[in-house]
PDB file of all heavy atoms in Angstrom:
ATOM      1  N   TYR A   1       4.889  16.523   1.778  1.00  0.00           N
ATOM      2  CA  TYR A   1       6.084  16.583   0.932  1.00  0.00           C
ATOM      3  C   TYR A   1       7.167  17.489   1.512  1.00  0.00           C
ATOM      4  O   TYR A   1       8.337  17.114   1.338  1.00  0.00           O
ATOM      5  CB  TYR A   1       5.577  17.270  -0.352  1.00  0.00           C
ATOM      6  CG  TYR A   1       4.967  16.157  -1.305  1.00  0.00           C
ATOM      7  CD1 TYR A   1       3.612  16.349  -1.553  1.00  0.00           C
ATOM      8  CD2 TYR A   1       5.605  15.168  -1.867  1.00  0.00           C
ATOM      9  CE1 TYR A   1       2.906  15.481  -2.359  1.00  0.00           C
ATOM     10  CE2 TYR A   1       4.920  14.199  -2.645  1.00  0.00           C
ATOM     11  CZ  TYR A   1       3.737  14.420  -2.961  1.00  0.00           C
ATOM     12  OH  TYR A   1       2.923  13.503  -3.869  1.00  0.00           O
ATOM     13  N   THR A   2       6.852  18.559   2.239  1.00  0.00           N
ATOM     14  CA  THR A   2       7.758  19.393   2.867  1.00  0.00           C
ATOM     15  C   THR A   2       8.580  18.722   3.932  1.00  0.00           C
ATOM     16  O   THR A   2       9.810  18.829   4.016  1.00  0.00           O
ATOM     17  CB  THR A   2       7.192  20.750   3.472  1.00  0.00           C
ATOM     18  OG1 THR A   2       6.422  21.416   2.475  1.00  0.00           O
ATOM     19  CG2 THR A   2       8.059  21.585   4.138  1.00  0.00           C
ATOM     20  N   LEU A   3       7.869  17.902   4.792  1.00  0.00           N
ATOM     21  CA  LEU A   3       8.579  17.206   5.828  1.00  0.00           C
ATOM     22  C   LEU A   3       9.493  16.138   5.277  1.00  0.00           C
ATOM     23  O   LEU A   3      10.650  15.953   5.651  1.00  0.00           O
ATOM     24  CB  LEU A   3       7.477  16.641   6.720  1.00  0.00           C
ATOM     25  CG  LEU A   3       7.935  15.621   7.962  1.00  0.00           C
ATOM     26  CD1 LEU A   3       8.713  16.663   8.851  1.00  0.00           C
ATOM     27  CD2 LEU A   3       6.847  15.000   8.663  1.00  0.00           C
ATOM     28  N   PHE A   4       9.068  15.574   4.197  1.00  0.00           N
ATOM     29  CA  PHE A   4       9.767  14.473   3.532  1.00  0.00           C
ATOM     30  C   PHE A   4      11.095  15.126   2.879  1.00  0.00           C
ATOM     31  O   PHE A   4      12.176  14.604   3.045  1.00  0.00           O
ATOM     32  CB  PHE A   4       8.975  13.767   2.482  1.00  0.00           C
ATOM     33  CG  PHE A   4       9.635  12.575   1.815  1.00  0.00           C
ATOM     34  CD1 PHE A   4      10.005  11.468   2.352  1.00  0.00           C
ATOM     35  CD2 PHE A   4      10.104  12.807   0.414  1.00  0.00           C
ATOM     36  CE1 PHE A   4      10.695  10.483   1.759  1.00  0.00           C
ATOM     37  CE2 PHE A   4      10.748  11.830  -0.121  1.00  0.00           C
ATOM     38  CZ  PHE A   4      11.049  10.699   0.380  1.00  0.00           C
ATOM     39  N   GLY A   5      10.883  16.302   2.182  1.00  0.00           N
ATOM     40  CA  GLY A   5      12.058  16.945   1.577  1.00  0.00           C
ATOM     41  C   GLY A   5      12.897  17.414   2.545  1.00  0.00           C
ATOM     42  O   GLY A   5      14.191  17.432   2.257  1.00  0.00           O
ATOM     43  N   GLY A   6      12.444  17.809   3.734  1.00  0.00           N
ATOM     44  CA  GLY A   6      13.387  18.307   4.868  1.00  0.00           C
ATOM     45  C   GLY A   6      14.294  17.217   5.330  1.00  0.00           C
ATOM     46  O   GLY A   6      15.426  17.430   5.491  1.00  0.00           O
ATOM     47  N   LEU A   7      13.805  15.999   5.367  1.00  0.00           N
ATOM     48  CA  LEU A   7      14.617  14.867   5.830  1.00  0.00           C
ATOM     49  C   LEU A   7      15.752  14.679   4.751  1.00  0.00           C
ATOM     50  O   LEU A   7      16.923  14.443   5.119  1.00  0.00           O
ATOM     51  CB  LEU A   7      13.758  13.554   5.855  1.00  0.00           C
ATOM     52  CG  LEU A   7      14.472  12.271   5.826  1.00  0.00           C
ATOM     53  CD1 LEU A   7      15.338  12.109   7.119  1.00  0.00           C
ATOM     54  CD2 LEU A   7      13.645  11.073   5.666  1.00  0.00           C
ATOM     55  N   LEU A   8      15.529  14.670   3.511  1.00  0.00           N
ATOM     56  CA  LEU A   8      16.428  14.418   2.588  1.00  0.00           C
ATOM     57  C   LEU A   8      17.379  15.549   2.550  1.00  0.00           C
ATOM     58  O   LEU A   8      18.728  15.299   2.352  1.00  0.00           O
ATOM     59  CB  LEU A   8      15.856  14.264   1.146  1.00  0.00           C
ATOM     60  CG  LEU A   8      14.885  13.155   0.866  1.00  0.00           C
ATOM     61  CD1 LEU A   8      14.426  13.084  -0.501  1.00  0.00           C
ATOM     62  CD2 LEU A   8      15.597  11.736   1.183  1.00  0.00           C
ATOM     63  N   GLY A   9      16.891  16.799   2.730  1.00  0.00           N
ATOM     64  CA  GLY A   9      17.851  17.994   2.785  1.00  0.00           C
ATOM     65  C   GLY A   9      18.800  17.946   3.909  1.00  0.00           C
ATOM     66  O   GLY A   9      20.059  18.194   3.775  1.00  0.00           O
ATOM     67  N   VAL A  10      18.410  17.561   5.170  1.00  0.00           N
ATOM     68  CA  VAL A  10      19.203  17.534   6.188  1.00  0.00           C
ATOM     69  C   VAL A  10      20.326  16.455   6.046  1.00  0.00           C
ATOM     70  O   VAL A  10      21.574  16.632   6.444  1.00  0.00           O
ATOM     71  CB  VAL A  10      18.281  17.167   7.603  1.00  0.00           C
ATOM     72  CG1 VAL A  10      19.287  16.811   8.766  1.00  0.00           C
ATOM     73  CG2 VAL A  10      17.534  18.377   7.913  1.00  0.00           C
ATOM     74  N   SER A  11      19.886  15.257   5.456  1.00  0.00           N
ATOM     75  CA  SER A  11      20.918  14.254   5.189  1.00  0.00           C
ATOM     76  C   SER A  11      21.962  14.826   4.300  1.00  0.00           C
ATOM     77  O   SER A  11      23.229  14.435   4.549  1.00  0.00           O
ATOM     78  CB  SER A  11      20.188  12.982   4.698  1.00  0.00           C
ATOM     79  OG  SER A  11      19.234  12.494   5.495  1.00  0.00           O
ATOM     80  N   LEU A  12      21.624  15.417   3.262  1.00  0.00           N
ATOM     81  CA  LEU A  12      22.604  15.919   2.359  1.00  0.00           C
ATOM     82  C   LEU A  12      23.420  17.017   3.056  1.00  0.00           C
ATOM     83  O   LEU A  12      24.723  16.996   2.757  1.00  0.00           O
ATOM     84  CB  LEU A  12      21.982  16.522   1.144  1.00  0.00           C
ATOM     85  CG  LEU A  12      21.386  15.688   0.080  1.00  0.00           C
ATOM     86  CD1 LEU A  12      20.648  16.464  -0.982  1.00  0.00           C
ATOM     87  CD2 LEU A  12      22.540  15.026  -0.711  1.00  0.00           C
ATOM     88  N   LEU A  13      22.911  17.818   3.827  1.00  0.00           N
ATOM     89  CA  LEU A  13      23.646  18.886   4.445  1.00  0.00           C
ATOM     90  C   LEU A  13      24.815  18.260   5.371  1.00  0.00           C
ATOM     91  O   LEU A  13      25.945  18.797   5.535  1.00  0.00           O
ATOM     92  CB  LEU A  13      22.873  19.810   5.286  1.00  0.00           C
ATOM     93  CG  LEU A  13      21.925  20.785   4.367  1.00  0.00           C
ATOM     94  CD1 LEU A  13      20.983  21.599   5.331  1.00  0.00           C
ATOM     95  CD2 LEU A  13      22.912  21.809   3.700  1.00  0.00           C
ATOM     96  N   ILE A  14      24.467  17.183   6.066  1.00  0.00           N
ATOM     97  CA  ILE A  14      25.337  16.477   6.915  1.00  0.00           C
ATOM     98  C   ILE A  14      26.455  15.913   6.129  1.00  0.00           C
ATOM     99  O   ILE A  14      27.673  16.079   6.541  1.00  0.00           O
ATOM    100  CB  ILE A  14      24.681  15.379   7.819  1.00  0.00           C
ATOM    101  CG1 ILE A  14      23.713  16.031   8.783  1.00  0.00           C
ATOM    102  CG2 ILE A  14      25.762  14.612   8.459  1.00  0.00           C
ATOM    103  CD1 ILE A  14      22.924  15.044   9.517  1.00  0.00           C
ATOM    104  N   GLY A  15      26.301  15.293   5.114  1.00  0.00           N
ATOM    105  CA  GLY A  15      27.204  14.809   4.183  1.00  0.00           C
ATOM    106  C   GLY A  15      28.191  15.904   3.658  1.00  0.00           C
ATOM    107  O   GLY A  15      29.359  15.734   3.607  1.00  0.00           O
ATOM    108  N   ILE A  16      27.529  16.988   3.237  1.00  0.00           N
ATOM    109  CA  ILE A  16      28.400  18.168   2.751  1.00  0.00           C
ATOM    110  C   ILE A  16      29.317  18.659   3.858  1.00  0.00           C
ATOM    111  O   ILE A  16      30.395  18.935   3.715  1.00  0.00           O
ATOM    112  CB  ILE A  16      27.422  19.385   2.168  1.00  0.00           C
ATOM    113  CG1 ILE A  16      26.712  18.771   0.977  1.00  0.00           C
ATOM    114  CG2 ILE A  16      28.262  20.452   1.890  1.00  0.00           C
ATOM    115  CD1 ILE A  16      25.716  19.593   0.437  1.00  0.00           C
ATOM    116  N   TYR A  17      28.725  18.841   5.090  1.00  0.00           N
ATOM    117  CA  TYR A  17      29.477  19.288   6.170  1.00  0.00           C
ATOM    118  C   TYR A  17      30.756  18.602   6.461  1.00  0.00           C
ATOM    119  O   TYR A  17      31.797  19.006   6.526  1.00  0.00           O
ATOM    120  CB  TYR A  17      28.738  19.361   7.504  1.00  0.00           C
ATOM    121  CG  TYR A  17      29.400  19.737   8.685  1.00  0.00           C
ATOM    122  CD1 TYR A  17      29.765  21.035   8.904  1.00  0.00           C
ATOM    123  CD2 TYR A  17      29.822  18.817   9.617  1.00  0.00           C
ATOM    124  CE1 TYR A  17      30.488  21.308  10.098  1.00  0.00           C
ATOM    125  CE2 TYR A  17      30.581  19.100  10.708  1.00  0.00           C
ATOM    126  CZ  TYR A  17      30.964  20.398  10.960  1.00  0.00           C
ATOM    127  OH  TYR A  17      31.662  20.606  12.028  1.00  0.00           O
ATOM    128  N   PHE A  18      30.501  17.128   6.615  1.00  0.00           N
ATOM    129  CA  PHE A  18      31.586  16.324   6.837  1.00  0.00           C
ATOM    130  C   PHE A  18      32.640  16.205   5.752  1.00  0.00           C
ATOM    131  O   PHE A  18      33.828  15.956   5.816  1.00  0.00           O
ATOM    132  CB  PHE A  18      31.279  14.880   7.374  1.00  0.00           C
ATOM    133  CG  PHE A  18      30.719  14.872   8.742  1.00  0.00           C
ATOM    134  CD1 PHE A  18      29.391  14.614   9.166  1.00  0.00           C
ATOM    135  CD2 PHE A  18      31.547  15.036   9.878  1.00  0.00           C
ATOM    136  CE1 PHE A  18      28.870  14.765  10.414  1.00  0.00           C
ATOM    137  CE2 PHE A  18      31.175  14.975  11.190  1.00  0.00           C
ATOM    138  CZ  PHE A  18      29.883  14.837  11.463  1.00  0.00           C
ATOM    139  N   GLY A  19      32.087  16.355   4.429  1.00  0.00           N
ATOM    140  CA  GLY A  19      32.880  16.203   3.379  1.00  0.00           C
ATOM    141  C   GLY A  19      33.870  17.402   3.207  1.00  0.00           C
ATOM    142  O   GLY A  19      35.032  17.348   2.777  1.00  0.00           O
ATOM    143  N   PHE A  20      33.376  18.620   3.676  1.00  0.00           N
ATOM    144  CA  PHE A  20      34.180  19.776   3.478  1.00  0.00           C
ATOM    145  C   PHE A  20      34.876  20.287   4.877  1.00  0.00           C
ATOM    146  O   PHE A  20      36.058  20.935   4.745  1.00  0.00           O
ATOM    147  CB  PHE A  20      33.328  21.067   3.114  1.00  0.00           C
ATOM    148  CG  PHE A  20      33.074  20.992   1.528  1.00  0.00           C
ATOM    149  CD1 PHE A  20      31.882  20.483   1.079  1.00  0.00           C
ATOM    150  CD2 PHE A  20      33.986  21.306   0.656  1.00  0.00           C
ATOM    151  CE1 PHE A  20      31.398  20.425  -0.126  1.00  0.00           C
ATOM    152  CE2 PHE A  20      33.617  21.215  -0.758  1.00  0.00           C
ATOM    153  CZ  PHE A  20      32.427  20.747  -1.123  1.00  0.00           C
ATOM    154  N   PHE A  21      34.324  19.987   5.931  1.00  0.00           N
ATOM    155  CA  PHE A  21      34.888  20.520   7.297  1.00  0.00           C
ATOM    156  C   PHE A  21      35.469  19.402   8.125  1.00  0.00           C
ATOM    157  O   PHE A  21      35.876  19.714   9.207  1.00  0.00           O
ATOM    158  CB  PHE A  21      33.794  21.282   8.014  1.00  0.00           C
ATOM    159  CG  PHE A  21      33.448  22.473   7.302  1.00  0.00           C
ATOM    160  CD1 PHE A  21      32.013  22.307   6.636  1.00  0.00           C
ATOM    161  CD2 PHE A  21      34.055  23.587   7.107  1.00  0.00           C
ATOM    162  CE1 PHE A  21      31.664  23.461   5.811  1.00  0.00           C
ATOM    163  CE2 PHE A  21      33.623  24.675   6.460  1.00  0.00           C
ATOM    164  CZ  PHE A  21      32.385  24.608   5.790  1.00  0.00           C
ATOM    165  N   SER A  22      35.566  18.238   7.687  1.00  0.00           N
ATOM    166  CA  SER A  22      36.007  17.155   8.455  1.00  0.00           C
ATOM    167  C   SER A  22      37.013  16.323   7.405  1.00  0.00           C
ATOM    168  O   SER A  22      36.631  15.998   6.414  1.00  0.00           O
ATOM    169  CB  SER A  22      35.031  16.216   9.009  1.00  0.00           C
ATOM    170  OG  SER A  22      35.599  15.084   9.713  1.00  0.00           O
ATOM    171  N   LYS A  23      38.141  15.995   8.080  1.00  0.00           N
ATOM    172  CA  LYS A  23      39.126  15.409   7.158  1.00  0.00           C
ATOM    173  C   LYS A  23      38.746  13.861   6.768  1.00  0.00           C
ATOM    174  O   LYS A  23      38.367  13.120   7.494  1.00  0.00           O
ATOM    175  CB  LYS A  23      40.534  15.170   7.967  1.00  0.00           C
ATOM    176  CG  LYS A  23      41.634  14.619   7.115  1.00  0.00           C
ATOM    177  CD  LYS A  23      42.918  14.651   7.933  1.00  0.00           C
ATOM    178  CE  LYS A  23      42.844  13.837   9.272  1.00  0.00           C
ATOM    179  NZ  LYS A  23      44.100  13.810   9.880  1.00  0.00           N
ATOM    180  N   GLN A  24      38.764  13.784   5.416  1.00  0.00           N
ATOM    181  CA  GLN A  24      38.319  12.472   4.845  1.00  0.00           C
ATOM    182  C   GLN A  24      39.302  12.045   3.694  1.00  0.00           C
ATOM    183  O   GLN A  24      38.885  11.483   2.784  1.00  0.00           O
ATOM    184  CB  GLN A  24      36.884  12.573   4.057  1.00  0.00           C
ATOM    185  CG  GLN A  24      35.696  13.102   5.137  1.00  0.00           C
ATOM    186  CD  GLN A  24      35.380  11.958   6.083  1.00  0.00           C
ATOM    187  OE1 GLN A  24      35.543  10.841   5.666  1.00  0.00           O
ATOM    188  NE2 GLN A  24      35.005  12.349   7.234  1.00  0.00           N
ATOM    189  N   ASP A  25      40.594  12.250   4.127  1.00  0.00           N
ATOM    190  CA  ASP A  25      41.547  12.041   3.195  1.00  0.00           C
ATOM    191  C   ASP A  25      42.400  10.822   3.484  1.00  0.00           C
ATOM    192  O   ASP A  25      43.654  10.657   2.904  1.00  0.00           O
ATOM    193  CB  ASP A  25      42.531  13.213   3.053  1.00  0.00           C
ATOM    194  CG  ASP A  25      43.128  13.561   4.408  1.00  0.00           C
ATOM    195  OD1 ASP A  25      42.819  12.843   5.362  1.00  0.00           O
ATOM    196  OD2 ASP A  25      43.880  14.533   4.424  1.00  0.00           O
ATOM    197  N   SER A  26      41.954   9.815   4.153  1.00  0.00           N
ATOM    198  CA  SER A  26      42.542   8.550   4.404  1.00  0.00           C
ATOM    199  C   SER A  26      41.622   7.548   4.573  1.00  0.00           C
ATOM    200  O   SER A  26      40.393   7.663   5.016  1.00  0.00           O
ATOM    201  CB  SER A  26      43.434   8.665   5.537  1.00  0.00           C
ATOM    202  OG  SER A  26      42.672   8.772   6.765  1.00  0.00           O
ATOM    203  N   ALA A  27      41.975   6.265   4.405  1.00  0.00           N
ATOM    204  CA  ALA A  27      41.017   5.092   4.567  1.00  0.00           C
ATOM    205  C   ALA A  27      40.620   4.988   5.995  1.00  0.00           C
ATOM    206  O   ALA A  27      39.472   4.751   6.287  1.00  0.00           O
ATOM    207  CB  ALA A  27      41.872   3.870   4.193  1.00  0.00           C
ATOM    208  N   ALA A  28      41.567   5.227   6.954  1.00  0.00           N
ATOM    209  CA  ALA A  28      41.178   5.047   8.489  1.00  0.00           C
ATOM    210  C   ALA A  28      40.082   6.140   8.831  1.00  0.00           C
ATOM    211  O   ALA A  28      39.136   5.912   9.593  1.00  0.00           O
ATOM    212  CB  ALA A  28      42.346   5.283   9.318  1.00  0.00           C
TER     213      ALA A  28
END
């Protein structure tokens, strides 16, 4: 369960990182 939860957690962290620290304010 820990290994499985770690996978989901890493995926979420990547999304959060690019959401806040990479410009996502245009279609391109």
